[in-house]
Protein backbone atom coordinates (compact mmCIF):
# COMPACT_ATOMS: atom_id res chain seq x y z
CA MET A 1 -0.01 0.01 0.01
CA GLY A 2 3.07 2.25 -0.08
CA ILE A 3 2.75 3.51 3.49
CA SER A 4 2.35 1.61 6.72
CA HIS A 5 -1.15 1.85 8.19
CA ARG A 6 -1.29 2.04 11.95
CA ILE A 7 -4.11 -0.48 12.10
CA ASN A 8 -2.92 -4.03 12.65
CA ARG A 9 -4.99 -5.45 9.81
CA ARG A 10 -4.33 -9.09 10.66
CA ARG A 11 -5.71 -8.70 14.16
CA PHE A 12 -8.48 -6.45 12.89
CA LEU A 13 -9.64 -8.95 10.30
CA GLY A 14 -9.32 -11.75 12.81
CA ALA A 15 -11.66 -9.94 15.11
CA GLY A 16 -14.12 -9.56 12.25
CA ALA A 17 -13.96 -13.32 11.61
CA ALA A 18 -14.69 -13.98 15.28
CA THR A 19 -17.81 -11.87 15.05
CA VAL A 20 -19.05 -13.57 11.90
CA THR A 21 -18.35 -17.11 13.09
CA ALA A 22 -20.40 -16.47 16.20
CA LEU A 23 -23.43 -17.08 13.92
CA ALA A 24 -22.24 -20.52 12.96
CA PHE A 25 -22.99 -22.59 16.08
CA PRO A 26 -25.58 -25.37 15.74
CA PRO A 27 -29.17 -24.17 15.80
CA PRO A 28 -30.92 -24.66 19.15
CA ALA A 29 -33.89 -27.00 19.60
CA PHE A 30 -36.92 -25.75 21.49
CA ALA A 31 -38.93 -28.29 23.41
CA GLN A 32 -42.12 -26.29 23.43
CA GLY A 33 -42.17 -24.82 19.95
CA ALA A 34 -40.26 -22.01 18.37
CA ALA A 35 -39.33 -19.10 20.58
CA ARG A 36 -40.57 -15.59 19.74
CA VAL A 37 -38.12 -12.75 19.32
CA VAL A 38 -39.39 -9.27 18.58
CA VAL A 39 -36.94 -6.66 17.26
CA ILE A 40 -37.93 -2.99 17.35
CA GLY A 41 -36.20 -0.69 14.92
CA GLY A 42 -35.26 -1.42 11.30
CA GLY A 43 -31.94 0.34 10.91
CA PHE A 44 -28.46 -1.12 10.69
CA GLY A 45 -28.79 -2.68 14.14
CA GLY A 46 -32.35 -4.02 14.22
CA ALA A 47 -32.53 -5.22 10.61
CA SER A 48 -29.16 -6.94 10.97
CA CYS A 49 -30.19 -8.62 14.22
CA ALA A 50 -33.50 -9.91 12.84
CA ARG A 51 -31.81 -11.38 9.80
CA ALA A 52 -29.01 -12.92 11.89
CA LEU A 53 -31.51 -14.61 14.17
CA LYS A 54 -33.17 -16.33 11.23
CA GLN A 55 -29.77 -17.40 9.94
CA ILE A 56 -28.92 -18.97 13.31
CA ASP A 57 -32.24 -20.85 13.42
CA PRO A 58 -34.93 -20.53 10.71
CA LYS A 59 -37.45 -21.96 13.20
CA LEU A 60 -37.25 -18.89 15.42
CA GLN A 61 -40.32 -16.67 15.15
CA VAL A 62 -38.67 -13.33 14.45
CA THR A 63 -40.75 -10.16 14.08
CA LEU A 64 -39.29 -6.83 13.01
CA VAL A 65 -41.32 -3.80 14.10
CA GLU A 66 -40.52 -0.69 12.00
CA GLN A 67 -43.07 1.95 11.15
CA ASN A 68 -41.25 3.23 8.05
CA ARG A 69 -41.43 1.03 4.93
CA THR A 70 -38.29 2.63 3.56
CA PHE A 71 -35.07 3.06 5.53
CA THR A 72 -32.97 6.15 4.81
CA ALA A 73 -29.37 5.64 5.83
CA CYS A 74 -27.35 8.27 7.69
CA PRO A 75 -23.89 7.12 6.50
CA PHE A 76 -23.11 9.04 3.30
CA SER A 77 -26.03 11.46 3.87
CA ASN A 78 -23.47 14.25 4.25
CA ASN A 79 -22.72 13.63 0.56
CA VAL A 80 -26.38 14.32 -0.19
CA ILE A 81 -26.15 17.64 1.68
CA ALA A 82 -23.11 18.58 -0.40
CA GLY A 83 -24.82 17.69 -3.68
CA LEU A 84 -22.58 14.70 -4.35
CA ARG A 85 -25.23 12.02 -4.00
CA SER A 86 -29.00 11.60 -4.34
CA ILE A 87 -31.27 10.81 -1.44
CA GLU A 88 -32.53 7.77 -3.39
CA GLN A 89 -29.09 6.20 -3.08
CA GLN A 90 -29.59 6.26 0.71
CA GLN A 91 -32.91 4.44 0.69
CA PHE A 92 -33.58 0.74 1.18
CA GLY A 93 -36.61 -1.51 1.57
CA TYR A 94 -37.29 -4.58 3.65
CA ASP A 95 -38.28 -7.12 0.98
CA GLY A 96 -35.04 -9.05 1.35
CA ILE A 97 -35.54 -9.37 5.12
CA ALA A 98 -39.13 -10.61 4.63
CA ALA A 99 -37.86 -13.14 2.09
CA ASP A 100 -35.65 -14.60 4.85
CA GLY A 101 -38.74 -15.40 6.89
CA VAL A 102 -38.79 -12.37 9.20
CA THR A 103 -42.31 -11.10 9.87
CA LEU A 104 -42.51 -7.37 9.19
CA VAL A 105 -44.86 -5.11 11.18
CA ALA A 106 -45.02 -1.63 9.67
CA GLN A 107 -46.22 0.16 12.77
CA ALA A 108 -44.80 2.16 15.64
CA ALA A 109 -44.19 0.36 18.90
CA THR A 110 -45.91 2.39 21.59
CA ALA A 111 -45.64 0.29 24.76
CA VAL A 112 -43.63 -2.49 26.33
CA ASP A 113 -44.90 -4.63 29.24
CA GLY A 114 -41.85 -6.39 30.61
CA LYS A 115 -43.75 -8.60 33.00
CA ALA A 116 -46.27 -9.81 30.43
CA ARG A 117 -43.60 -9.76 27.69
CA THR A 118 -45.71 -7.89 25.20
CA VAL A 119 -45.13 -4.99 22.81
CA GLY A 120 -48.04 -2.63 22.21
CA LEU A 121 -48.53 -1.29 18.69
CA ALA A 122 -50.00 1.95 17.38
CA ASP A 123 -53.18 0.22 16.16
CA GLY A 124 -53.96 -1.09 19.64
CA THR A 125 -52.81 -4.66 19.04
CA SER A 126 -49.87 -6.31 20.76
CA LEU A 127 -47.12 -8.84 20.13
CA GLY A 128 -45.89 -11.41 22.60
CA TYR A 129 -42.19 -12.20 22.95
CA ASP A 130 -39.76 -14.45 24.76
CA ARG A 131 -36.91 -12.02 24.12
CA LEU A 132 -37.10 -8.42 22.94
CA VAL A 133 -34.35 -6.55 21.09
CA LEU A 134 -34.48 -2.77 20.95
CA SER A 135 -32.60 -0.88 18.28
CA PRO A 136 -34.46 2.43 18.33
CA GLY A 137 -31.61 4.71 17.38
CA VAL A 138 -31.64 8.19 18.88
CA ASP A 139 -34.15 10.88 19.71
CA LEU A 140 -33.14 14.50 19.57
CA ARG A 141 -33.36 16.38 22.89
CA PHE A 142 -35.38 19.39 21.79
CA ASP A 143 -35.61 20.36 25.50
CA ALA A 144 -31.83 20.74 25.84
CA LEU A 145 -31.23 23.91 23.84
CA GLN A 146 -33.19 27.07 24.51
CA GLY A 147 -35.19 28.16 21.47
CA TYR A 148 -34.63 24.91 19.56
CA ASP A 149 -37.65 22.70 19.01
CA GLU A 150 -39.22 20.79 16.14
CA ALA A 151 -40.56 24.00 14.64
CA ALA A 152 -37.12 25.66 14.86
CA ALA A 153 -35.65 22.62 13.06
CA LEU A 154 -37.63 23.64 9.98
CA LYS A 155 -35.60 26.88 9.90
CA MET A 156 -32.35 25.65 11.42
CA PRO A 157 -32.21 21.98 10.36
CA HIS A 158 -30.36 19.33 12.34
CA ALA A 159 -30.24 16.84 9.45
CA TRP A 160 -29.19 14.21 12.02
CA LYS A 161 -31.91 11.83 10.98
CA ALA A 162 -31.56 11.24 7.26
CA GLY A 163 -34.50 12.18 5.01
CA GLU A 164 -36.45 15.40 4.76
CA GLN A 165 -34.04 17.26 7.02
CA THR A 166 -31.11 16.21 4.80
CA LEU A 167 -32.82 17.67 1.74
CA LEU A 168 -33.80 20.83 3.64
CA LEU A 169 -30.20 21.59 4.60
CA ARG A 170 -29.08 20.92 1.02
CA LYS A 171 -31.73 23.31 -0.35
CA GLN A 172 -30.67 26.04 2.10
CA LEU A 173 -27.08 25.77 0.95
CA GLU A 174 -28.15 25.94 -2.69
CA ALA A 175 -30.27 29.04 -1.99
CA MET A 176 -27.53 30.84 -0.03
CA ASP A 177 -25.74 33.73 -1.72
CA ASP A 178 -22.01 33.49 -2.40
CA GLY A 179 -20.25 35.06 0.58
CA GLY A 180 -22.76 33.73 3.11
CA LEU A 181 -21.95 32.20 6.47
CA VAL A 182 -22.74 28.59 7.37
CA VAL A 183 -22.67 27.69 11.08
CA ILE A 184 -22.69 24.11 12.41
CA ALA A 185 -23.45 23.59 16.12
CA ALA A 186 -21.92 20.33 17.38
CA PRO A 187 -23.10 18.79 20.69
CA ALA A 188 -21.21 17.39 23.65
CA ASN A 189 -20.57 13.62 23.84
CA PRO A 190 -22.17 11.15 23.54
CA PHE A 191 -24.09 11.45 20.32
CA ARG A 192 -24.65 9.54 17.10
CA CYS A 193 -21.58 9.39 14.81
CA PRO A 194 -18.83 11.33 16.61
CA PRO A 195 -16.98 12.24 13.36
CA GLY A 196 -20.22 13.21 11.61
CA PRO A 197 -20.28 17.00 12.18
CA TYR A 198 -16.66 17.36 11.04
CA GLU A 199 -17.15 15.30 7.90
CA ARG A 200 -20.21 17.47 7.24
CA ALA A 201 -18.12 20.61 7.62
CA CYS A 202 -15.65 19.22 5.08
CA LEU A 203 -18.22 18.34 2.49
CA ILE A 204 -20.18 21.54 2.89
CA ALA A 205 -16.84 23.37 2.49
CA HIS A 206 -16.20 21.38 -0.68
CA TYR A 207 -19.57 22.55 -2.03
CA LEU A 208 -18.84 26.13 -1.08
CA LYS A 209 -15.35 26.00 -2.56
CA THR A 210 -16.69 24.82 -5.90
CA LYS A 211 -19.98 26.76 -6.03
CA LYS A 212 -19.75 29.71 -3.59
CA PRO A 213 -16.07 30.33 -2.92
CA ARG A 214 -16.46 33.60 -0.99
CA SER A 215 -18.50 31.82 1.74
CA LYS A 216 -17.27 30.78 5.15
CA LEU A 217 -18.10 28.00 7.64
CA ILE A 218 -17.89 28.09 11.44
CA ILE A 219 -18.16 25.07 13.75
CA LEU A 220 -19.39 25.99 17.20
CA ASP A 221 -18.44 23.03 19.41
CA ALA A 222 -19.50 21.98 22.90
CA LYS A 223 -16.22 19.99 23.14
CA ASP A 224 -12.48 20.73 23.22
CA THR A 225 -11.57 17.56 21.32
CA PHE A 226 -13.28 15.37 18.73
CA SER A 227 -12.83 12.17 16.79
CA LYS A 228 -10.05 12.17 14.17
CA GLN A 229 -9.32 15.75 15.11
CA ARG A 230 -5.79 15.96 13.72
CA LEU A 231 -6.81 14.33 10.47
CA PHE A 232 -9.73 16.68 9.99
CA GLN A 233 -7.81 19.78 10.87
CA ASN A 234 -5.00 18.79 8.49
CA ALA A 235 -7.61 18.34 5.74
CA TRP A 236 -9.08 21.76 6.48
CA LYS A 237 -5.70 23.40 6.10
CA GLU A 238 -4.89 21.44 2.96
CA LEU A 239 -8.24 21.63 1.16
CA TYR A 240 -10.12 24.61 2.63
CA PRO A 241 -7.64 27.18 3.93
CA ASP A 242 -9.33 30.21 5.54
CA MET A 243 -12.78 28.71 4.85
CA ILE A 244 -13.41 26.65 8.02
CA GLU A 245 -13.13 27.98 11.57
CA TRP A 246 -13.52 25.67 14.55
CA ILE A 247 -14.45 27.29 17.88
CA SER A 248 -13.96 24.88 20.77
CA LEU A 249 -15.75 24.75 24.13
CA SER A 250 -12.96 26.60 25.92
CA GLN A 251 -12.96 29.26 23.19
CA GLY A 252 -16.70 29.85 23.62
CA GLY A 253 -18.04 27.37 21.12
CA LYS A 254 -20.88 25.93 23.18
CA VAL A 255 -24.26 27.07 21.89
CA ASN A 256 -26.63 27.85 24.78
CA ALA A 257 -29.61 29.12 22.83
CA VAL A 258 -30.82 29.85 19.30
CA ASP A 259 -33.15 32.44 17.75
CA PRO A 260 -34.76 30.87 14.66
CA ALA A 261 -36.34 34.18 13.63
CA THR A 262 -32.93 35.68 12.95
CA ASN A 263 -30.89 32.44 12.43
CA THR A 264 -28.74 33.40 15.43
CA LEU A 265 -26.76 31.02 17.63
CA ILE A 266 -25.98 32.35 21.12
CA THR A 267 -22.90 31.48 23.13
CA ASP A 268 -21.35 32.84 26.35
CA PHE A 269 -18.75 34.62 24.22
CA GLY A 270 -21.02 36.18 21.60
CA ASN A 271 -23.70 35.64 18.96
CA HIS A 272 -23.34 34.23 15.46
CA THR A 273 -25.92 35.01 12.81
CA ALA A 274 -25.79 32.60 9.89
CA GLN A 275 -27.31 32.43 6.47
CA VAL A 276 -27.49 28.66 6.96
CA ALA A 277 -27.56 27.24 10.50
CA ASN A 278 -27.13 23.50 11.07
CA VAL A 279 -28.01 22.87 14.69
CA ILE A 280 -27.21 19.34 15.96
CA PRO A 281 -28.77 19.12 19.42
CA PRO A 282 -27.94 16.69 22.27
CA GLN A 283 -29.46 13.22 21.93
CA ARG A 284 -30.75 10.24 23.89
CA ALA A 285 -31.95 6.72 23.21
CA GLY A 286 -35.07 6.38 21.07
CA ARG A 287 -38.28 6.88 23.10
CA ILE A 288 -39.39 3.24 23.17
CA ALA A 289 -36.28 2.43 25.26
CA ALA A 290 -37.46 4.76 28.01
CA ILE A 291 -40.97 3.36 27.77
CA ALA A 292 -39.50 -0.13 28.25
CA GLY A 293 -37.69 1.01 31.38
CA ALA A 294 -34.28 0.42 29.75
CA THR A 295 -32.79 3.93 30.07
CA ASP A 296 -30.88 5.37 33.01
CA ASN A 297 -30.49 8.98 34.15
CA THR A 298 -28.20 9.71 31.17
CA GLY A 299 -31.04 8.99 28.73
CA TRP A 300 -29.10 6.01 27.30
CA CYS A 301 -29.31 2.27 27.94
CA ALA A 302 -26.78 0.48 30.11
CA ILE A 303 -26.22 -3.10 28.95
CA ASP A 304 -24.37 -6.28 29.76
CA PRO A 305 -21.64 -6.36 27.06
CA VAL A 306 -21.81 -10.14 26.72
CA THR A 307 -25.58 -10.50 26.27
CA PHE A 308 -26.57 -6.93 25.41
CA GLU A 309 -29.31 -7.37 27.98
CA SER A 310 -30.55 -4.22 29.71
CA ARG A 311 -29.14 -3.58 33.19
CA SER A 312 -32.61 -2.53 34.30
CA ALA A 313 -35.11 -4.43 32.12
CA PRO A 314 -34.84 -8.28 32.09
CA ASN A 315 -35.24 -10.15 28.78
CA ILE A 316 -34.76 -6.89 26.84
CA HIS A 317 -31.60 -6.41 24.81
CA ILE A 318 -30.39 -3.08 23.36
CA ILE A 319 -28.04 -2.56 20.41
CA GLY A 320 -26.89 0.34 18.26
CA ASP A 321 -26.91 4.03 18.98
CA ALA A 322 -29.26 3.69 21.98
CA CYS A 323 -26.92 1.63 24.17
CA LEU A 324 -24.00 2.63 26.30
CA ALA A 325 -21.27 0.51 24.75
CA GLY A 326 -18.19 1.75 26.59
CA ALA A 327 -15.39 2.55 24.17
CA MET A 328 -17.51 1.59 21.11
CA PRO A 329 -18.78 4.69 19.28
CA LYS A 330 -22.34 5.16 18.08
CA SER A 331 -21.94 4.23 14.44
CA ALA A 332 -23.69 2.09 11.83
CA PHE A 333 -20.67 -0.20 11.75
CA SER A 334 -20.91 -0.65 15.50
CA ALA A 335 -24.66 -1.33 15.30
CA ASN A 336 -24.13 -3.97 12.65
CA SER A 337 -21.37 -5.66 14.70
CA GLN A 338 -23.44 -5.54 17.88
CA ALA A 339 -26.50 -6.92 16.08
CA LYS A 340 -24.80 -10.14 15.04
CA ALA A 341 -23.30 -10.73 18.50
CA CYS A 342 -26.64 -9.95 20.16
CA ALA A 343 -28.44 -12.41 17.89
CA SER A 344 -25.97 -15.13 18.93
CA ALA A 345 -26.45 -14.25 22.62
CA VAL A 346 -30.24 -14.24 22.37
CA ALA A 347 -30.31 -17.62 20.63
CA ALA A 348 -27.96 -19.08 23.24
CA LEU A 349 -30.04 -17.76 26.15
CA ILE A 350 -33.24 -19.15 24.61
CA ALA A 351 -31.52 -22.52 24.27
CA GLY A 352 -30.35 -22.45 27.89
CA ARG A 353 -26.68 -21.88 27.08
CA SER A 354 -24.28 -19.23 28.32
CA PRO A 355 -23.36 -16.80 25.51
CA ALA A 356 -19.74 -16.49 24.55
CA ALA A 357 -18.04 -13.15 25.12
CA PRO A 358 -17.95 -11.28 21.79
CA LYS A 359 -15.09 -9.53 20.09
CA LEU A 360 -16.44 -6.68 18.06
CA ILE A 361 -15.01 -4.31 15.46
CA ASN A 362 -15.80 -0.82 14.26
CA THR A 363 -14.45 1.43 11.55
CA CYS A 364 -15.61 4.99 11.12
CA TYR A 365 -14.86 6.29 7.61
CA SER A 366 -15.11 9.98 6.79
CA LEU A 367 -14.71 11.90 3.59
CA ALA A 368 -12.91 15.25 3.67
CA ALA A 369 -13.60 15.65 -0.06
CA PRO A 370 -14.44 13.34 -2.97
CA GLY A 371 -11.56 10.89 -3.18
CA TYR A 372 -10.12 11.93 0.20
CA GLY A 373 -10.94 9.45 2.94
CA ILE A 374 -9.83 9.06 6.55
CA SER A 375 -10.75 6.49 9.17
CA VAL A 376 -10.51 5.35 12.75
CA ALA A 377 -10.87 1.71 13.73
CA GLY A 378 -11.03 -0.35 16.89
CA VAL A 379 -11.53 -3.84 18.30
CA TYR A 380 -13.57 -4.20 21.50
CA VAL A 381 -14.11 -6.87 24.14
CA PRO A 382 -16.14 -6.98 27.38
CA LYS A 383 -14.07 -5.81 30.34
CA ASN A 384 -15.27 -4.70 33.75
CA GLY A 385 -18.86 -4.63 32.57
CA VAL A 386 -18.35 -2.48 29.42
CA PHE A 387 -16.78 -2.75 26.00
CA ALA A 388 -13.10 -1.83 26.18
CA ASP A 389 -10.55 -1.25 23.43
CA VAL A 390 -8.16 -4.11 22.58
CA GLU A 391 -4.86 -2.35 22.95
CA GLY A 392 -2.89 -2.19 19.72
CA ALA A 393 -5.72 -3.56 17.59
CA GLY A 394 -7.05 -0.28 16.17
CA GLY A 395 -5.77 3.06 15.00
CA VAL A 396 -6.31 5.98 12.71
CA SER A 397 -5.24 6.86 9.20
CA PRO A 398 -1.68 8.17 8.99
CA ALA A 399 -1.47 11.95 9.30
CA ASP A 400 1.07 12.20 6.50
CA ALA A 401 -0.53 9.83 4.01
CA PRO A 402 -0.14 10.62 0.28
CA ALA A 403 -3.06 11.29 -2.04
CA ASP A 404 -3.30 7.74 -3.34
CA PHE A 405 -3.72 6.44 0.23
CA ARG A 406 -6.52 8.90 0.91
CA ALA A 407 -8.18 7.85 -2.36
CA ARG A 408 -8.07 4.19 -1.28
CA GLU A 409 -9.63 5.06 2.08
CA ALA A 410 -12.42 6.82 0.18
CA ASP A 411 -12.89 3.66 -1.89
CA TYR A 412 -12.96 1.53 1.28
CA ALA A 413 -15.73 3.75 2.64
CA GLN A 414 -17.80 3.29 -0.53
CA SER A 415 -17.18 -0.47 -0.45
CA TRP A 416 -18.17 -0.73 3.20
CA PHE A 417 -21.45 1.05 2.59
CA ALA A 418 -22.32 -0.98 -0.51
CA THR A 419 -21.43 -4.29 1.11
CA THR A 420 -23.17 -3.64 4.42
CA THR A 421 -26.39 -2.32 2.92
CA ALA A 422 -26.50 -5.30 0.58
CA GLN A 423 -26.01 -7.71 3.45
CA VAL A 424 -28.57 -6.01 5.68
CA PHE A 425 -31.31 -5.06 3.20
CA GLY A 426 -30.51 -6.88 -0.04
């Protein structure tokens, strides 16, 4: 590859094999008929888990509850905002999952009765389960930022759930005059996709550089450090000199309030009035997790890292962005890895066996521009009740990599997305 990558690829790929082979143990036999597993949430976590359960044992009665008939993926949605990709390329259906024998219920889950082991649906009916898997993603905390609510999001879009908000932010950028100011407000940890706001800044800057070169972009950040910081900042200097300004927490970057009427973001150190304001608010686990009694005072779900079972709600397992997974970030790659391990654990528990401790992997790819990719990767194992990094098994892209290396990383990102969406939804 011309330059030594800091990731130990042999150990990294070995960890991936361990995750995949966890699906290969003999299917369990159930003395009193097939067990019922209900999965709520049809994203990278829930859809992957439902499909993996049927692969482990086709006799399992697996039901996937997802109110949307089309899934719109967040990974690569920043490309849509920058005009590099269509929203249709982000959208996937559930026909492949149904063909595997998973029962699809296109309704919202509105209640969970842990004692009766039932899930209430929006139409008033209910589903019984032996084990329940929650993969509800995130909800935006509209109560956490003064002046920012669902109405304000129509003026100052978050675009943190892919779909209409993604297109709204794209249209605002297209309508902005050359020389305008774009402001991104990034929240404190934890939140979905830690590198996401900074990739977004890069790709918006790419759009501005090519279409509206007199424009500027400011990131107002509620943190002093962020994922892949050195790589992103190097890319800003190389690709977008004098176009992107990052204002950290200690420099007054935390946004305390917004005024949608004037598109103003308010900090302790001053106000910033933008032509386009992208406000990413704090987040928490999707609402059904709280209804199920699976969230703690942080708004997220504490889990057993071996079984993914809730620390507070028996027989309920949580995967993906909603769970507190220790060192594992909230990413689609993480959700997909967790889903397969959770499916193995659920099947083992139903069969009366002790689940094996998983070894999980994650890679977060980001694009700083078309053909310019960077990444951070890790391997994780249960330790002291949480997922911990396997020392020496991960790493980040080299800071001094040449252009051909960055291009390959961009290709890897495309390949990951294509392969994963095909496996999950194809």
